[in-house]
């Protein structure tokens, strides 16, 4: 149900049990829009995640969808150096971030 809503570029919130495909339901149409150049800029998509663990897990799932595609993904969360995260950011269309680290980057005007 989420995919058509996202393809229409409307806001969408979903609640479902773990393991039901929420990540893919959001990521697949986002990737499609990126590939169709409906979204054209680096750092076009921001996905906020509440924890470092969920950020890492979500990045792994989306990265699997990007295999063979000319799209980049970066993640911002605590416990990693700013430099390594900024390096990934330079070529990323999709950004995953925890709120705390995102605020850190914004406050540093990175």
N, C-alpha and C. Protein backbone atom coordinates (compact mmCIF):
# COMPACT_ATOMS: atom_id res chain seq x y z
N UNK A 1 0.81 -1.21 0.00
CA UNK A 1 0.00 0.00 0.00
C UNK A 1 0.85 1.27 0.00
N UNK A 2 2.06 1.19 0.53
CA UNK A 2 2.91 2.38 0.63
C UNK A 2 3.54 2.75 -0.71
N UNK A 3 3.83 1.77 -1.54
CA UNK A 3 4.59 2.05 -2.78
C UNK A 3 3.88 3.05 -3.68
N UNK A 4 2.60 2.91 -4.02
CA UNK A 4 1.97 3.91 -4.89
C UNK A 4 1.94 5.30 -4.27
N UNK A 5 1.75 5.38 -2.97
CA UNK A 5 1.72 6.67 -2.28
C UNK A 5 3.07 7.36 -2.43
N UNK A 6 4.14 6.62 -2.22
CA UNK A 6 5.49 7.20 -2.31
C UNK A 6 5.80 7.58 -3.75
N UNK A 7 5.40 6.75 -4.70
CA UNK A 7 5.64 7.08 -6.11
C UNK A 7 4.92 8.37 -6.52
N UNK A 8 3.84 8.69 -5.84
CA UNK A 8 3.14 9.95 -6.07
C UNK A 8 3.78 11.10 -5.29
N UNK A 9 4.86 10.77 -4.58
CA UNK A 9 5.64 11.73 -3.79
C UNK A 9 4.81 12.36 -2.68
N UNK A 10 3.92 11.54 -2.10
CA UNK A 10 3.13 11.99 -0.96
C UNK A 10 3.74 11.42 0.31
N UNK A 11 3.48 12.08 1.43
CA UNK A 11 3.96 11.60 2.71
C UNK A 11 3.29 10.27 3.05
N UNK A 12 4.05 9.42 3.73
CA UNK A 12 3.53 8.11 4.07
C UNK A 12 4.13 7.65 5.39
N UNK A 13 3.28 7.18 6.28
CA UNK A 13 3.72 6.60 7.55
C UNK A 13 3.14 5.20 7.61
N UNK A 14 3.96 4.23 8.00
CA UNK A 14 3.49 2.85 8.07
C UNK A 14 3.85 2.23 9.41
N UNK A 15 2.96 1.40 9.88
CA UNK A 15 3.21 0.63 11.09
C UNK A 15 2.94 -0.83 10.74
N UNK A 16 3.91 -1.68 10.99
CA UNK A 16 3.75 -3.11 10.70
C UNK A 16 4.75 -3.88 11.54
N UNK A 17 4.47 -5.15 11.76
CA UNK A 17 5.41 -5.97 12.55
C UNK A 17 6.78 -6.10 11.89
N UNK A 18 7.77 -6.41 12.70
CA UNK A 18 9.12 -6.65 12.21
C UNK A 18 9.10 -7.77 11.18
N UNK A 19 9.88 -7.58 10.11
CA UNK A 19 10.02 -8.62 9.10
C UNK A 19 8.97 -8.64 8.03
N UNK A 20 8.16 -7.60 7.95
CA UNK A 20 7.08 -7.58 6.95
C UNK A 20 7.44 -6.81 5.69
N UNK A 21 8.65 -6.24 5.61
CA UNK A 21 9.08 -5.56 4.40
C UNK A 21 8.90 -4.06 4.38
N UNK A 22 8.80 -3.44 5.54
CA UNK A 22 8.62 -1.98 5.58
C UNK A 22 9.77 -1.25 4.89
N UNK A 23 10.99 -1.68 5.16
CA UNK A 23 12.15 -1.00 4.56
C UNK A 23 12.07 -1.04 3.05
N UNK A 24 11.80 -2.19 2.50
CA UNK A 24 11.71 -2.33 1.05
C UNK A 24 10.52 -1.55 0.49
N UNK A 25 9.40 -1.55 1.22
CA UNK A 25 8.21 -0.84 0.75
C UNK A 25 8.47 0.65 0.61
N UNK A 26 9.35 1.18 1.43
CA UNK A 26 9.73 2.59 1.31
C UNK A 26 10.90 2.77 0.34
N UNK A 27 11.87 1.89 0.39
CA UNK A 27 13.09 2.07 -0.39
C UNK A 27 12.90 1.83 -1.88
N UNK A 28 12.13 0.84 -2.25
CA UNK A 28 11.97 0.53 -3.68
C UNK A 28 11.41 1.72 -4.46
N UNK A 29 10.33 2.35 -4.04
CA UNK A 29 9.86 3.50 -4.81
C UNK A 29 10.82 4.69 -4.75
N UNK A 30 11.53 4.85 -3.65
CA UNK A 30 12.51 5.93 -3.57
C UNK A 30 13.62 5.70 -4.60
N UNK A 31 14.11 4.48 -4.69
CA UNK A 31 15.14 4.14 -5.67
C UNK A 31 14.61 4.36 -7.08
N UNK A 32 13.38 3.95 -7.33
CA UNK A 32 12.79 4.16 -8.65
C UNK A 32 12.74 5.64 -9.01
N UNK A 33 12.30 6.47 -8.08
CA UNK A 33 12.25 7.91 -8.34
C UNK A 33 13.65 8.48 -8.60
N UNK A 34 14.63 8.00 -7.86
CA UNK A 34 16.00 8.45 -8.09
C UNK A 34 16.47 8.05 -9.48
N UNK A 35 16.18 6.83 -9.88
CA UNK A 35 16.61 6.35 -11.20
C UNK A 35 15.90 7.07 -12.34
N UNK A 36 14.66 7.48 -12.10
CA UNK A 36 13.90 8.20 -13.12
C UNK A 36 14.23 9.69 -13.12
N UNK A 37 15.17 10.08 -12.28
CA UNK A 37 15.59 11.48 -12.16
C UNK A 37 14.47 12.38 -11.67
N UNK A 38 13.47 11.78 -11.02
CA UNK A 38 12.44 12.59 -10.38
C UNK A 38 13.04 13.31 -9.17
N UNK A 39 14.06 12.71 -8.61
CA UNK A 39 14.83 13.31 -7.52
C UNK A 39 16.25 13.39 -8.06
N UNK A 40 16.83 14.58 -8.17
CA UNK A 40 18.04 14.73 -8.96
C UNK A 40 19.29 15.14 -8.20
N UNK A 41 19.22 15.42 -6.95
CA UNK A 41 20.35 16.01 -6.28
C UNK A 41 21.02 15.03 -5.35
N UNK A 42 22.32 15.26 -5.09
CA UNK A 42 22.96 14.50 -4.03
C UNK A 42 22.24 14.81 -2.74
N UNK A 43 22.19 13.84 -1.87
CA UNK A 43 21.50 13.98 -0.58
C UNK A 43 20.04 14.37 -0.80
N UNK A 44 19.38 13.73 -1.74
CA UNK A 44 17.99 14.02 -2.06
C UNK A 44 17.01 13.42 -1.07
N UNK A 45 17.40 12.32 -0.44
CA UNK A 45 16.50 11.58 0.43
C UNK A 45 17.12 11.50 1.82
N UNK A 46 16.36 11.87 2.84
CA UNK A 46 16.81 11.76 4.22
C UNK A 46 15.86 10.82 4.95
N UNK A 47 16.44 9.78 5.55
CA UNK A 47 15.67 8.83 6.34
C UNK A 47 16.19 8.90 7.76
N UNK A 48 15.32 9.31 8.69
CA UNK A 48 15.70 9.39 10.09
C UNK A 48 15.36 8.08 10.79
N UNK A 49 16.31 7.61 11.58
CA UNK A 49 16.14 6.37 12.32
C UNK A 49 16.48 6.60 13.77
N UNK A 50 15.77 5.97 14.69
CA UNK A 50 15.94 6.30 16.11
C UNK A 50 17.22 5.79 16.75
N UNK A 51 17.83 4.74 16.20
CA UNK A 51 19.02 4.17 16.84
C UNK A 51 20.10 3.86 15.83
N UNK A 52 21.32 3.78 16.34
CA UNK A 52 22.47 3.40 15.51
C UNK A 52 22.26 2.03 14.89
N UNK A 53 21.77 1.09 15.68
CA UNK A 53 21.58 -0.28 15.20
C UNK A 53 20.58 -0.33 14.05
N UNK A 54 19.49 0.40 14.18
CA UNK A 54 18.49 0.43 13.11
C UNK A 54 19.03 1.14 11.88
N UNK A 55 19.85 2.14 12.07
CA UNK A 55 20.49 2.85 10.97
C UNK A 55 21.40 1.89 10.19
N UNK A 56 22.20 1.13 10.90
CA UNK A 56 23.11 0.17 10.26
C UNK A 56 22.31 -0.90 9.52
N UNK A 57 21.29 -1.43 10.16
CA UNK A 57 20.47 -2.48 9.55
C UNK A 57 19.77 -1.97 8.29
N UNK A 58 19.20 -0.78 8.38
CA UNK A 58 18.49 -0.21 7.24
C UNK A 58 19.45 0.08 6.09
N UNK A 59 20.64 0.56 6.40
CA UNK A 59 21.62 0.81 5.35
C UNK A 59 21.97 -0.48 4.63
N UNK A 60 22.13 -1.56 5.37
CA UNK A 60 22.45 -2.85 4.73
C UNK A 60 21.33 -3.28 3.79
N UNK A 61 20.09 -3.14 4.22
CA UNK A 61 18.95 -3.55 3.39
C UNK A 61 18.86 -2.70 2.12
N UNK A 62 19.02 -1.39 2.26
CA UNK A 62 18.93 -0.52 1.08
C UNK A 62 20.13 -0.71 0.17
N UNK A 63 21.30 -0.91 0.74
CA UNK A 63 22.50 -1.15 -0.07
C UNK A 63 22.30 -2.35 -0.98
N UNK A 64 21.64 -3.38 -0.48
CA UNK A 64 21.36 -4.56 -1.31
C UNK A 64 20.48 -4.20 -2.51
N UNK A 65 19.59 -3.24 -2.35
CA UNK A 65 18.75 -2.80 -3.46
C UNK A 65 19.53 -1.98 -4.49
N UNK A 66 20.64 -1.40 -4.07
CA UNK A 66 21.41 -0.50 -4.94
C UNK A 66 22.50 -1.21 -5.74
N UNK A 67 22.66 -2.52 -5.53
CA UNK A 67 23.72 -3.25 -6.24
C UNK A 67 23.54 -3.08 -7.74
N UNK A 68 24.60 -2.65 -8.41
CA UNK A 68 24.58 -2.45 -9.85
C UNK A 68 23.99 -1.13 -10.30
N UNK A 69 23.54 -0.32 -9.37
CA UNK A 69 22.96 0.97 -9.72
C UNK A 69 23.95 2.08 -9.39
N UNK A 70 23.86 3.17 -10.10
CA UNK A 70 24.75 4.31 -9.87
C UNK A 70 24.14 5.25 -8.85
N UNK A 71 23.85 4.71 -7.67
CA UNK A 71 23.29 5.49 -6.58
C UNK A 71 24.11 5.23 -5.33
N UNK A 72 24.28 6.27 -4.52
CA UNK A 72 25.06 6.13 -3.30
C UNK A 72 24.21 6.32 -2.05
N UNK A 73 24.72 5.76 -0.96
CA UNK A 73 24.04 5.85 0.32
C UNK A 73 25.07 6.18 1.39
N UNK A 74 24.68 6.99 2.34
CA UNK A 74 25.57 7.33 3.46
C UNK A 74 24.75 7.27 4.74
N UNK A 75 25.44 7.03 5.83
CA UNK A 75 24.75 6.98 7.12
C UNK A 75 25.51 7.80 8.14
N UNK A 76 24.75 8.48 8.98
CA UNK A 76 25.30 9.32 10.05
C UNK A 76 24.76 8.80 11.37
N UNK A 77 25.65 8.32 12.21
CA UNK A 77 25.28 7.88 13.55
C UNK A 77 26.51 7.93 14.43
N UNK A 78 26.27 7.96 15.72
CA UNK A 78 27.38 8.04 16.67
C UNK A 78 28.24 6.78 16.66
N UNK A 79 29.48 6.96 17.09
CA UNK A 79 30.39 5.83 17.18
C UNK A 79 31.31 5.69 15.98
N UNK A 80 31.10 6.49 14.96
CA UNK A 80 31.97 6.51 13.78
C UNK A 80 32.55 7.92 13.64
N UNK A 81 33.66 8.03 12.95
CA UNK A 81 34.27 9.35 12.80
C UNK A 81 33.46 10.21 11.83
N UNK A 82 33.47 11.50 12.09
CA UNK A 82 32.80 12.43 11.20
C UNK A 82 33.41 12.34 9.80
N UNK A 83 34.73 12.21 9.73
CA UNK A 83 35.42 12.20 8.44
C UNK A 83 34.95 11.05 7.56
N UNK A 84 34.85 9.85 8.13
CA UNK A 84 34.44 8.70 7.32
C UNK A 84 33.00 8.87 6.85
N UNK A 85 32.16 9.45 7.69
CA UNK A 85 30.77 9.65 7.30
C UNK A 85 30.65 10.75 6.26
N UNK A 86 31.44 11.79 6.37
CA UNK A 86 31.41 12.85 5.36
C UNK A 86 31.91 12.36 4.01
N UNK A 87 32.87 11.47 4.02
CA UNK A 87 33.39 10.93 2.77
C UNK A 87 32.29 10.20 2.01
N UNK A 88 31.48 9.41 2.70
CA UNK A 88 30.37 8.71 2.06
C UNK A 88 29.32 9.70 1.55
N UNK A 89 29.13 10.78 2.27
CA UNK A 89 28.11 11.78 1.94
C UNK A 89 28.35 12.44 0.59
N UNK A 90 29.60 12.58 0.20
CA UNK A 90 29.94 13.31 -1.03
C UNK A 90 29.27 12.73 -2.28
N UNK A 91 28.99 11.43 -2.28
CA UNK A 91 28.44 10.78 -3.48
C UNK A 91 27.12 10.08 -3.19
N UNK A 92 26.41 10.52 -2.19
CA UNK A 92 25.19 9.83 -1.77
C UNK A 92 23.93 10.60 -2.15
N UNK A 93 22.97 9.87 -2.66
CA UNK A 93 21.65 10.43 -2.89
C UNK A 93 20.73 10.13 -1.71
N UNK A 94 21.02 9.05 -0.98
CA UNK A 94 20.21 8.63 0.15
C UNK A 94 21.04 8.77 1.42
N UNK A 95 20.50 9.51 2.39
CA UNK A 95 21.18 9.70 3.67
C UNK A 95 20.32 9.07 4.76
N UNK A 96 20.94 8.24 5.57
CA UNK A 96 20.32 7.68 6.76
C UNK A 96 20.98 8.35 7.95
N UNK A 97 20.20 8.71 8.94
CA UNK A 97 20.80 9.40 10.09
C UNK A 97 19.99 9.19 11.35
N UNK A 98 20.72 9.15 12.46
CA UNK A 98 20.06 9.24 13.75
C UNK A 98 19.92 10.73 14.05
N UNK A 99 18.89 11.11 14.77
CA UNK A 99 18.66 12.53 15.02
C UNK A 99 19.84 13.24 15.69
N UNK A 100 20.47 12.60 16.67
CA UNK A 100 21.57 13.24 17.38
C UNK A 100 22.74 13.57 16.47
N UNK A 101 23.16 12.61 15.64
CA UNK A 101 24.30 12.85 14.75
C UNK A 101 23.92 13.85 13.67
N UNK A 102 22.70 13.81 13.19
CA UNK A 102 22.27 14.78 12.19
C UNK A 102 22.35 16.19 12.75
N UNK A 103 21.88 16.38 13.97
CA UNK A 103 21.96 17.70 14.63
C UNK A 103 23.42 18.11 14.77
N UNK A 104 24.31 17.17 15.12
CA UNK A 104 25.73 17.47 15.21
C UNK A 104 26.26 18.04 13.90
N UNK A 105 25.93 17.38 12.79
CA UNK A 105 26.39 17.84 11.48
C UNK A 105 25.81 19.21 11.13
N UNK A 106 24.55 19.40 11.42
CA UNK A 106 23.91 20.69 11.12
C UNK A 106 24.54 21.81 11.93
N UNK A 107 24.76 21.56 13.22
CA UNK A 107 25.37 22.58 14.08
C UNK A 107 26.79 22.91 13.65
N UNK A 108 27.50 21.95 13.07
CA UNK A 108 28.86 22.20 12.60
C UNK A 108 28.87 22.77 11.18
N UNK A 109 27.66 22.92 10.61
CA UNK A 109 27.51 23.45 9.25
C UNK A 109 28.32 22.67 8.25
N UNK A 110 28.25 21.35 8.37
CA UNK A 110 28.99 20.44 7.49
C UNK A 110 28.23 20.26 6.20
